[in-house]
């Protein structure tokens, strides 16, 4: 079995950003993604009002250079203006050629 070392980029953001974030990560080199609803509490507390909408968790598996581009773009365009967090994990992927 061939395992390929890649990066799992996870972004938790306001749901209103979903379309824009998907466009951004694809433009930056991601081949695919998964999005699920997310909720929780962080440094800004819980989001309690319905009109705020829910959060999403967007995940994409990418080569390291794509992960770095995504993080740089988030830092530049999203972190200063929106409730967004992102983190990267090392993953070993079967059929990794689908992500390169």
PDB file of N, CA and C in Angstrom:
ATOM      1  N   UNK A   1       0.850  -1.170   0.000  1.00  0.00           N
ATOM      2  CA  UNK A   1       0.000   0.000   0.000  1.00  0.00           C
ATOM      3  C   UNK A   1       0.900   1.237   0.000  1.00  0.00           C
ATOM      4  N   UNK A   2       0.620   2.162  -0.900  1.00  0.00           N
ATOM      5  CA  UNK A   2       1.371   3.410  -0.970  1.00  0.00           C
ATOM      6  C   UNK A   2       0.653   4.501  -0.199  1.00  0.00           C
ATOM      7  N   UNK A   3       1.346   5.076   0.750  1.00  0.00           N
ATOM      8  CA  UNK A   3       0.811   6.200   1.515  1.00  0.00           C
ATOM      9  C   UNK A   3       1.567   7.455   1.112  1.00  0.00           C
ATOM     10  N   UNK A   4       0.831   8.549   0.938  1.00  0.00           N
ATOM     11  CA  UNK A   4       1.425   9.815   0.528  1.00  0.00           C
ATOM     12  C   UNK A   4       1.279  10.813   1.671  1.00  0.00           C
ATOM     13  N   UNK A   5       2.383  11.456   2.104  1.00  0.00           N
ATOM     14  CA  UNK A   5       2.276  12.472   3.160  1.00  0.00           C
ATOM     15  C   UNK A   5       1.727  13.781   2.591  1.00  0.00           C
ATOM     16  N   UNK A   6       0.644  14.252   3.168  1.00  0.00           N
ATOM     17  CA  UNK A   6       0.004  15.500   2.741  1.00  0.00           C
ATOM     18  C   UNK A   6      -0.390  16.302   3.976  1.00  0.00           C
ATOM     19  N   UNK A   7      -1.071  17.415   3.767  1.00  0.00           N
ATOM     20  CA  UNK A   7      -1.531  18.284   4.851  1.00  0.00           C
ATOM     21  C   UNK A   7      -3.055  18.368   4.831  1.00  0.00           C
ATOM     22  N   UNK A   8      -3.641  18.245   5.999  1.00  0.00           N
ATOM     23  CA  UNK A   8      -5.071  18.470   6.169  1.00  0.00           C
ATOM     24  C   UNK A   8      -5.236  19.883   6.704  1.00  0.00           C
ATOM     25  N   UNK A   9      -5.836  20.757   5.906  1.00  0.00           N
ATOM     26  CA  UNK A   9      -6.118  22.125   6.329  1.00  0.00           C
ATOM     27  C   UNK A   9      -7.568  22.169   6.785  1.00  0.00           C
ATOM     28  N   UNK A  10      -7.789  22.613   8.005  1.00  0.00           N
ATOM     29  CA  UNK A  10      -9.138  22.758   8.550  1.00  0.00           C
ATOM     30  C   UNK A  10      -9.388  24.225   8.824  1.00  0.00           C
ATOM     31  N   UNK A  11     -10.518  24.707   8.312  1.00  0.00           N
ATOM     32  CA  UNK A  11     -10.918  26.104   8.502  1.00  0.00           C
ATOM     33  C   UNK A  11     -12.290  26.097   9.163  1.00  0.00           C
ATOM     34  N   UNK A  12     -12.423  26.791  10.278  1.00  0.00           N
ATOM     35  CA  UNK A  12     -13.721  26.983  10.915  1.00  0.00           C
ATOM     36  C   UNK A  12     -14.072  28.447  10.735  1.00  0.00           C
ATOM     37  N   UNK A  13     -15.237  28.689  10.127  1.00  0.00           N
ATOM     38  CA  UNK A  13     -15.587  30.058   9.747  1.00  0.00           C
ATOM     39  C   UNK A  13     -17.094  30.266   9.778  1.00  0.00           C
ATOM     40  N   UNK A  14     -17.464  31.523   9.697  1.00  0.00           N
ATOM     41  CA  UNK A  14     -18.871  31.888   9.584  1.00  0.00           C
ATOM     42  C   UNK A  14     -19.431  31.295   8.287  1.00  0.00           C
ATOM     43  N   UNK A  15     -20.642  30.752   8.349  1.00  0.00           N
ATOM     44  CA  UNK A  15     -21.218  30.093   7.173  1.00  0.00           C
ATOM     45  C   UNK A  15     -21.392  31.038   5.986  1.00  0.00           C
ATOM     46  N   UNK A  16     -21.522  32.319   6.241  1.00  0.00           N
ATOM     47  CA  UNK A  16     -21.685  33.285   5.155  1.00  0.00           C
ATOM     48  C   UNK A  16     -20.449  33.308   4.235  1.00  0.00           C
ATOM     49  N   UNK A  17     -19.315  32.818   4.731  1.00  0.00           N
ATOM     50  CA  UNK A  17     -18.072  32.810   3.953  1.00  0.00           C
ATOM     51  C   UNK A  17     -17.897  31.553   3.106  1.00  0.00           C
ATOM     52  N   UNK A  18     -18.805  30.608   3.195  1.00  0.00           N
ATOM     53  CA  UNK A  18     -18.620  29.307   2.547  1.00  0.00           C
ATOM     54  C   UNK A  18     -18.276  29.417   1.064  1.00  0.00           C
ATOM     55  N   UNK A  19     -19.081  30.074   0.295  1.00  0.00           N
ATOM     56  CA  UNK A  19     -18.854  30.154  -1.154  1.00  0.00           C
ATOM     57  C   UNK A  19     -17.506  30.807  -1.472  1.00  0.00           C
ATOM     58  N   UNK A  20     -17.216  31.893  -0.793  1.00  0.00           N
ATOM     59  CA  UNK A  20     -15.964  32.615  -1.039  1.00  0.00           C
ATOM     60  C   UNK A  20     -14.749  31.774  -0.649  1.00  0.00           C
ATOM     61  N   UNK A  21     -14.822  31.083   0.491  1.00  0.00           N
ATOM     62  CA  UNK A  21     -13.706  30.245   0.919  1.00  0.00           C
ATOM     63  C   UNK A  21     -13.466  29.088  -0.050  1.00  0.00           C
ATOM     64  N   UNK A  22     -14.532  28.481  -0.531  1.00  0.00           N
ATOM     65  CA  UNK A  22     -14.396  27.389  -1.496  1.00  0.00           C
ATOM     66  C   UNK A  22     -13.713  27.896  -2.766  1.00  0.00           C
ATOM     67  N   UNK A  23     -14.150  29.047  -3.263  1.00  0.00           N
ATOM     68  CA  UNK A  23     -13.516  29.628  -4.447  1.00  0.00           C
ATOM     69  C   UNK A  23     -12.036  29.891  -4.202  1.00  0.00           C
ATOM     70  N   UNK A  24     -11.703  30.427  -3.035  1.00  0.00           N
ATOM     71  CA  UNK A  24     -10.314  30.757  -2.688  1.00  0.00           C
ATOM     72  C   UNK A  24      -9.435  29.500  -2.642  1.00  0.00           C
ATOM     73  N   UNK A  25      -9.873  28.467  -1.909  1.00  0.00           N
ATOM     74  CA  UNK A  25      -9.006  27.296  -1.767  1.00  0.00           C
ATOM     75  C   UNK A  25      -8.811  26.586  -3.097  1.00  0.00           C
ATOM     76  N   UNK A  26      -9.843  26.564  -3.928  1.00  0.00           N
ATOM     77  CA  UNK A  26      -9.702  25.947  -5.246  1.00  0.00           C
ATOM     78  C   UNK A  26      -8.750  26.759  -6.125  1.00  0.00           C
ATOM     79  N   UNK A  27      -8.864  28.067  -6.079  1.00  0.00           N
ATOM     80  CA  UNK A  27      -7.969  28.934  -6.842  1.00  0.00           C
ATOM     81  C   UNK A  27      -6.520  28.752  -6.394  1.00  0.00           C
ATOM     82  N   UNK A  28      -6.331  28.474  -5.111  1.00  0.00           N
ATOM     83  CA  UNK A  28      -4.992  28.317  -4.550  1.00  0.00           C
ATOM     84  C   UNK A  28      -4.421  26.910  -4.727  1.00  0.00           C
ATOM     85  N   UNK A  29      -5.214  25.989  -5.300  1.00  0.00           N
ATOM     86  CA  UNK A  29      -4.680  24.678  -5.639  1.00  0.00           C
ATOM     87  C   UNK A  29      -5.346  23.467  -5.031  1.00  0.00           C
ATOM     88  N   UNK A  30      -6.345  23.640  -4.168  1.00  0.00           N
ATOM     89  CA  UNK A  30      -7.043  22.491  -3.587  1.00  0.00           C
ATOM     90  C   UNK A  30      -7.873  21.801  -4.672  1.00  0.00           C
ATOM     91  N   UNK A  31      -7.858  20.477  -4.672  1.00  0.00           N
ATOM     92  CA  UNK A  31      -8.617  19.703  -5.662  1.00  0.00           C
ATOM     93  C   UNK A  31     -10.027  19.379  -5.183  1.00  0.00           C
ATOM     94  N   UNK A  32     -10.250  19.433  -3.890  1.00  0.00           N
ATOM     95  CA  UNK A  32     -11.556  19.099  -3.343  1.00  0.00           C
ATOM     96  C   UNK A  32     -11.643  19.551  -1.900  1.00  0.00           C
ATOM     97  N   UNK A  33     -12.788  19.324  -1.276  1.00  0.00           N
ATOM     98  CA  UNK A  33     -13.010  19.779   0.091  1.00  0.00           C
ATOM     99  C   UNK A  33     -14.217  19.064   0.675  1.00  0.00           C
ATOM    100  N   UNK A  34     -14.348  19.151   1.974  1.00  0.00           N
ATOM    101  CA  UNK A  34     -15.521  18.676   2.701  1.00  0.00           C
ATOM    102  C   UNK A  34     -15.966  19.797   3.615  1.00  0.00           C
ATOM    103  N   UNK A  35     -17.281  20.018   3.690  1.00  0.00           N
ATOM    104  CA  UNK A  35     -17.828  21.041   4.587  1.00  0.00           C
ATOM    105  C   UNK A  35     -18.914  20.406   5.447  1.00  0.00           C
ATOM    106  N   UNK A  36     -18.830  20.670   6.747  1.00  0.00           N
ATOM    107  CA  UNK A  36     -19.853  20.220   7.688  1.00  0.00           C
ATOM    108  C   UNK A  36     -20.185  21.377   8.624  1.00  0.00           C
ATOM    109  N   UNK A  37     -21.390  21.379   9.210  1.00  0.00           N
ATOM    110  CA  UNK A  37     -21.718  22.415  10.193  1.00  0.00           C
ATOM    111  C   UNK A  37     -20.809  22.281  11.413  1.00  0.00           C
ATOM    112  N   UNK A  38     -20.547  23.408  12.069  1.00  0.00           N
ATOM    113  CA  UNK A  38     -19.699  23.398  13.267  1.00  0.00           C
ATOM    114  C   UNK A  38     -20.292  24.332  14.311  1.00  0.00           C
ATOM    115  N   UNK A  39     -20.121  23.960  15.553  1.00  0.00           N
ATOM    116  CA  UNK A  39     -20.525  24.849  16.637  1.00  0.00           C
ATOM    117  C   UNK A  39     -19.606  24.606  17.809  1.00  0.00           C
ATOM    118  N   UNK A  40     -19.507  25.595  18.663  1.00  0.00           N
ATOM    119  CA  UNK A  40     -18.633  25.484  19.820  1.00  0.00           C
ATOM    120  C   UNK A  40     -18.425  26.847  20.439  1.00  0.00           C
ATOM    121  N   UNK A  41     -17.413  26.943  21.261  1.00  0.00           N
ATOM    122  CA  UNK A  41     -17.120  28.188  21.953  1.00  0.00           C
ATOM    123  C   UNK A  41     -15.624  28.436  21.892  1.00  0.00           C
ATOM    124  N   UNK A  42     -15.265  29.685  21.647  1.00  0.00           N
ATOM    125  CA  UNK A  42     -13.856  30.046  21.580  1.00  0.00           C
ATOM    126  C   UNK A  42     -13.584  31.319  22.340  1.00  0.00           C
ATOM    127  N   UNK A  43     -12.517  32.007  21.952  1.00  0.00           N
ATOM    128  CA  UNK A  43     -12.093  33.214  22.663  1.00  0.00           C
ATOM    129  C   UNK A  43     -13.140  34.322  22.595  1.00  0.00           C
ATOM    130  N   UNK A  44     -13.985  34.285  21.584  1.00  0.00           N
ATOM    131  CA  UNK A  44     -15.046  35.300  21.458  1.00  0.00           C
ATOM    132  C   UNK A  44     -16.362  34.849  22.067  1.00  0.00           C
ATOM    133  N   UNK A  45     -16.352  33.701  22.742  1.00  0.00           N
ATOM    134  CA  UNK A  45     -17.566  33.170  23.347  1.00  0.00           C
ATOM    135  C   UNK A  45     -18.388  32.411  22.333  1.00  0.00           C
ATOM    136  N   UNK A  46     -19.611  32.061  22.734  1.00  0.00           N
ATOM    137  CA  UNK A  46     -20.514  31.332  21.838  1.00  0.00           C
ATOM    138  C   UNK A  46     -21.283  32.324  20.989  1.00  0.00           C
ATOM    139  N   UNK A  47     -21.562  31.914  19.769  1.00  0.00           N
ATOM    140  CA  UNK A  47     -22.427  32.718  18.910  1.00  0.00           C
ATOM    141  C   UNK A  47     -23.853  32.328  19.258  1.00  0.00           C
ATOM    142  N   UNK A  48     -24.617  33.254  19.790  1.00  0.00           N
ATOM    143  CA  UNK A  48     -25.911  32.885  20.364  1.00  0.00           C
ATOM    144  C   UNK A  48     -27.121  33.352  19.573  1.00  0.00           C
ATOM    145  N   UNK A  49     -26.938  34.213  18.613  1.00  0.00           N
ATOM    146  CA  UNK A  49     -28.093  34.749  17.900  1.00  0.00           C
ATOM    147  C   UNK A  49     -28.309  34.024  16.578  1.00  0.00           C
ATOM    148  N   UNK A  50     -29.561  33.689  16.297  1.00  0.00           N
ATOM    149  CA  UNK A  50     -29.889  32.973  15.060  1.00  0.00           C
ATOM    150  C   UNK A  50     -29.466  33.745  13.811  1.00  0.00           C
ATOM    151  N   UNK A  51     -29.584  35.062  13.846  1.00  0.00           N
ATOM    152  CA  UNK A  51     -29.271  35.843  12.640  1.00  0.00           C
ATOM    153  C   UNK A  51     -27.788  35.804  12.295  1.00  0.00           C
ATOM    154  N   UNK A  52     -26.960  35.405  13.247  1.00  0.00           N
ATOM    155  CA  UNK A  52     -25.532  35.293  12.964  1.00  0.00           C
ATOM    156  C   UNK A  52     -25.226  34.092  12.078  1.00  0.00           C
ATOM    157  N   UNK A  53     -26.144  33.124  12.009  1.00  0.00           N
ATOM    158  CA  UNK A  53     -25.898  31.918  11.243  1.00  0.00           C
ATOM    159  C   UNK A  53     -24.972  30.983  11.984  1.00  0.00           C
ATOM    160  N   UNK A  54     -24.834  29.806  11.439  1.00  0.00           N
ATOM    161  CA  UNK A  54     -23.948  28.840  12.098  1.00  0.00           C
ATOM    162  C   UNK A  54     -22.567  28.889  11.464  1.00  0.00           C
ATOM    163  N   UNK A  55     -21.648  28.205  12.082  1.00  0.00           N
ATOM    164  CA  UNK A  55     -20.302  28.100  11.535  1.00  0.00           C
ATOM    165  C   UNK A  55     -20.200  26.866  10.661  1.00  0.00           C
ATOM    166  N   UNK A  56     -19.165  26.840   9.839  1.00  0.00           N
ATOM    167  CA  UNK A  56     -18.851  25.674   9.037  1.00  0.00           C
ATOM    168  C   UNK A  56     -17.436  25.220   9.360  1.00  0.00           C
ATOM    169  N   UNK A  57     -17.178  23.944   9.133  1.00  0.00           N
ATOM    170  CA  UNK A  57     -15.815  23.421   9.182  1.00  0.00           C
ATOM    171  C   UNK A  57     -15.501  22.923   7.774  1.00  0.00           C
ATOM    172  N   UNK A  58     -14.544  23.569   7.149  1.00  0.00           N
ATOM    173  CA  UNK A  58     -14.112  23.230   5.798  1.00  0.00           C
ATOM    174  C   UNK A  58     -12.783  22.505   5.913  1.00  0.00           C
ATOM    175  N   UNK A  59     -12.684  21.333   5.302  1.00  0.00           N
ATOM    176  CA  UNK A  59     -11.445  20.563   5.324  1.00  0.00           C
ATOM    177  C   UNK A  59     -11.000  20.275   3.907  1.00  0.00           C
ATOM    178  N   UNK A  60      -9.704  20.372   3.678  1.00  0.00           N
ATOM    179  CA  UNK A  60      -9.130  20.021   2.391  1.00  0.00           C
ATOM    180  C   UNK A  60      -7.779  19.365   2.618  1.00  0.00           C
ATOM    181  N   UNK A  61      -7.472  18.353   1.812  1.00  0.00           N
ATOM    182  CA  UNK A  61      -6.187  17.669   1.887  1.00  0.00           C
ATOM    183  C   UNK A  61      -5.365  18.112   0.686  1.00  0.00           C
ATOM    184  N   UNK A  62      -4.185  18.655   0.976  1.00  0.00           N
ATOM    185  CA  UNK A  62      -3.383  19.296  -0.066  1.00  0.00           C
ATOM    186  C   UNK A  62      -1.890  19.080   0.185  1.00  0.00           C
ATOM    187  N   UNK A  63      -1.069  19.297  -0.855  1.00  0.00           N
ATOM    188  CA  UNK A  63       0.377  19.324  -0.628  1.00  0.00           C
ATOM    189  C   UNK A  63       0.758  20.519   0.261  1.00  0.00           C
ATOM    190  N   UNK A  64       1.939  20.448   0.857  1.00  0.00           N
ATOM    191  CA  UNK A  64       2.366  21.489   1.794  1.00  0.00           C
ATOM    192  C   UNK A  64       2.350  22.886   1.181  1.00  0.00           C
ATOM    193  N   UNK A  65       2.818  23.036  -0.056  1.00  0.00           N
ATOM    194  CA  UNK A  65       2.872  24.371  -0.661  1.00  0.00           C
ATOM    195  C   UNK A  65       1.480  24.976  -0.833  1.00  0.00           C
ATOM    196  N   UNK A  66       0.486  24.149  -1.104  1.00  0.00           N
ATOM    197  CA  UNK A  66      -0.897  24.643  -1.213  1.00  0.00           C
ATOM    198  C   UNK A  66      -1.409  25.029   0.173  1.00  0.00           C
ATOM    199  N   UNK A  67      -1.108  24.223   1.170  1.00  0.00           N
ATOM    200  CA  UNK A  67      -1.521  24.545   2.543  1.00  0.00           C
ATOM    201  C   UNK A  67      -0.971  25.902   2.966  1.00  0.00           C
ATOM    202  N   UNK A  68       0.295  26.151   2.653  1.00  0.00           N
ATOM    203  CA  UNK A  68       0.906  27.427   3.024  1.00  0.00           C
ATOM    204  C   UNK A  68       0.256  28.605   2.295  1.00  0.00           C
ATOM    205  N   UNK A  69      -0.102  28.405   1.041  1.00  0.00           N
ATOM    206  CA  UNK A  69      -0.790  29.469   0.291  1.00  0.00           C
ATOM    207  C   UNK A  69      -2.170  29.768   0.893  1.00  0.00           C
ATOM    208  N   UNK A  70      -2.879  28.708   1.261  1.00  0.00           N
ATOM    209  CA  UNK A  70      -4.208  28.884   1.868  1.00  0.00           C
ATOM    210  C   UNK A  70      -4.088  29.641   3.189  1.00  0.00           C
ATOM    211  N   UNK A  71      -3.153  29.242   4.035  1.00  0.00           N
ATOM    212  CA  UNK A  71      -2.980  29.919   5.324  1.00  0.00           C
ATOM    213  C   UNK A  71      -2.583  31.380   5.151  1.00  0.00           C
ATOM    214  N   UNK A  72      -1.710  31.663   4.201  1.00  0.00           N
ATOM    215  CA  UNK A  72      -1.304  33.053   3.953  1.00  0.00           C
ATOM    216  C   UNK A  72      -2.486  33.888   3.504  1.00  0.00           C
ATOM    217  N   UNK A  73      -3.322  33.332   2.646  1.00  0.00           N
ATOM    218  CA  UNK A  73      -4.504  34.078   2.170  1.00  0.00           C
ATOM    219  C   UNK A  73      -5.494  34.318   3.307  1.00  0.00           C
ATOM    220  N   UNK A  74      -5.704  33.320   4.145  1.00  0.00           N
ATOM    221  CA  UNK A  74      -6.601  33.491   5.294  1.00  0.00           C
ATOM    222  C   UNK A  74      -6.083  34.587   6.213  1.00  0.00           C
ATOM    223  N   UNK A  75      -4.790  34.571   6.479  1.00  0.00           N
ATOM    224  CA  UNK A  75      -4.204  35.571   7.367  1.00  0.00           C
ATOM    225  C   UNK A  75      -4.349  36.973   6.787  1.00  0.00           C
ATOM    226  N   UNK A  76      -4.174  37.089   5.494  1.00  0.00           N
ATOM    227  CA  UNK A  76      -4.235  38.391   4.824  1.00  0.00           C
ATOM    228  C   UNK A  76      -5.664  38.925   4.711  1.00  0.00           C
ATOM    229  N   UNK A  77      -6.598  38.078   4.287  1.00  0.00           N
ATOM    230  CA  UNK A  77      -7.917  38.577   3.900  1.00  0.00           C
ATOM    231  C   UNK A  77      -9.056  38.255   4.863  1.00  0.00           C
ATOM    232  N   UNK A  78      -8.881  37.264   5.722  1.00  0.00           N
ATOM    233  CA  UNK A  78     -10.017  36.830   6.543  1.00  0.00           C
ATOM    234  C   UNK A  78      -9.826  37.062   8.038  1.00  0.00           C
ATOM    235  N   UNK A  79      -8.667  36.696   8.584  1.00  0.00           N
ATOM    236  CA  UNK A  79      -8.471  36.802  10.026  1.00  0.00           C
ATOM    237  C   UNK A  79      -8.754  38.200  10.579  1.00  0.00           C
ATOM    238  N   UNK A  80      -8.358  39.271   9.891  1.00  0.00           N
ATOM    239  CA  UNK A  80      -8.617  40.603  10.452  1.00  0.00           C
ATOM    240  C   UNK A  80     -10.099  41.004  10.472  1.00  0.00           C
ATOM    241  N   UNK A  81     -10.927  40.348   9.670  1.00  0.00           N
ATOM    242  CA  UNK A  81     -12.292  40.830   9.462  1.00  0.00           C
ATOM    243  C   UNK A  81     -13.407  39.871   9.891  1.00  0.00           C
ATOM    244  N   UNK A  82     -13.087  38.589  10.052  1.00  0.00           N
ATOM    245  CA  UNK A  82     -14.124  37.591  10.306  1.00  0.00           C
ATOM    246  C   UNK A  82     -13.722  36.670  11.446  1.00  0.00           C
ATOM    247  N   UNK A  83     -14.721  35.971  11.983  1.00  0.00           N
ATOM    248  CA  UNK A  83     -14.466  34.936  12.991  1.00  0.00           C
ATOM    249  C   UNK A  83     -14.034  33.674  12.244  1.00  0.00           C
ATOM    250  N   UNK A  84     -12.733  33.504  12.074  1.00  0.00           N
ATOM    251  CA  UNK A  84     -12.165  32.380  11.321  1.00  0.00           C
ATOM    252  C   UNK A  84     -10.955  31.843  12.084  1.00  0.00           C
ATOM    253  N   UNK A  85     -10.847  30.527  12.153  1.00  0.00           N
ATOM    254  CA  UNK A  85      -9.619  29.901  12.639  1.00  0.00           C
ATOM    255  C   UNK A  85      -9.196  28.867  11.600  1.00  0.00           C
ATOM    256  N   UNK A  86      -7.930  28.533  11.610  1.00  0.00           N
ATOM    257  CA  UNK A  86      -7.429  27.512  10.692  1.00  0.00           C
ATOM    258  C   UNK A  86      -6.281  26.772  11.359  1.00  0.00           C
ATOM    259  N   UNK A  87      -6.160  25.509  11.034  1.00  0.00           N
ATOM    260  CA  UNK A  87      -5.027  24.730  11.516  1.00  0.00           C
ATOM    261  C   UNK A  87      -4.684  23.664  10.485  1.00  0.00           C
ATOM    262  N   UNK A  88      -3.453  23.158  10.590  1.00  0.00           N
ATOM    263  CA  UNK A  88      -2.931  22.191   9.630  1.00  0.00           C
ATOM    264  C   UNK A  88      -2.428  20.969  10.386  1.00  0.00           C
ATOM    265  N   UNK A  89      -2.718  19.807   9.845  1.00  0.00           N
ATOM    266  CA  UNK A  89      -2.250  18.551  10.420  1.00  0.00           C
ATOM    267  C   UNK A  89      -1.536  17.741   9.337  1.00  0.00           C
ATOM    268  N   UNK A  90      -0.559  16.967   9.761  1.00  0.00           N
ATOM    269  CA  UNK A  90       0.080  16.019   8.855  1.00  0.00           C
ATOM    270  C   UNK A  90      -0.810  14.797   8.720  1.00  0.00           C
ATOM    271  N   UNK A  91      -1.028  14.340   7.487  1.00  0.00           N
ATOM    272  CA  UNK A  91      -1.824  13.139   7.241  1.00  0.00           C
ATOM    273  C   UNK A  91      -1.100  12.259   6.233  1.00  0.00           C
ATOM    274  N   UNK A  92      -1.361  10.964   6.299  1.00  0.00           N
ATOM    275  CA  UNK A  92      -0.861  10.005   5.324  1.00  0.00           C
ATOM    276  C   UNK A  92      -2.085   9.482   4.579  1.00  0.00           C
ATOM    277  N   UNK A  93      -2.077   9.624   3.271  1.00  0.00           N
ATOM    278  CA  UNK A  93      -3.284   9.362   2.494  1.00  0.00           C
ATOM    279  C   UNK A  93      -3.071   8.209   1.516  1.00  0.00           C
ATOM    280  N   UNK A  94      -4.009   7.266   1.503  1.00  0.00           N
ATOM    281  CA  UNK A  94      -4.049   6.234   0.473  1.00  0.00           C
ATOM    282  C   UNK A  94      -4.676   6.871  -0.762  1.00  0.00           C
ATOM    283  N   UNK A  95      -4.182   6.566  -1.924  1.00  0.00           N
ATOM    284  CA  UNK A  95      -4.638   7.195  -3.169  1.00  0.00           C
ATOM    285  C   UNK A  95      -4.312   8.698  -3.150  1.00  0.00           C
ATOM    286  N   UNK A  96      -3.173   9.028  -2.601  1.00  0.00           N
ATOM    287  CA  UNK A  96      -2.761  10.417  -2.450  1.00  0.00           C
ATOM    288  C   UNK A  96      -2.595  11.173  -3.749  1.00  0.00           C
ATOM    289  N   UNK A  97      -2.410  10.452  -4.864  1.00  0.00           N
ATOM    290  CA  UNK A  97      -2.256  11.132  -6.153  1.00  0.00           C
ATOM    291  C   UNK A  97      -3.497  11.944  -6.527  1.00  0.00           C
ATOM    292  N   UNK A  98      -4.640  11.654  -5.939  1.00  0.00           N
ATOM    293  CA  UNK A  98      -5.851  12.431  -6.196  1.00  0.00           C
ATOM    294  C   UNK A  98      -5.748  13.865  -5.670  1.00  0.00           C
ATOM    295  N   UNK A  99      -4.823  14.095  -4.756  1.00  0.00           N
ATOM    296  CA  UNK A  99      -4.721  15.382  -4.084  1.00  0.00           C
ATOM    297  C   UNK A  99      -3.568  16.237  -4.575  1.00  0.00           C
ATOM    298  N   UNK A 100      -2.788  15.699  -5.491  1.00  0.00           N
ATOM    299  CA  UNK A 100      -1.597  16.418  -5.967  1.00  0.00           C
ATOM    300  C   UNK A 100      -1.862  17.036  -7.331  1.00  0.00           C
TER     301      UNK A 100
END
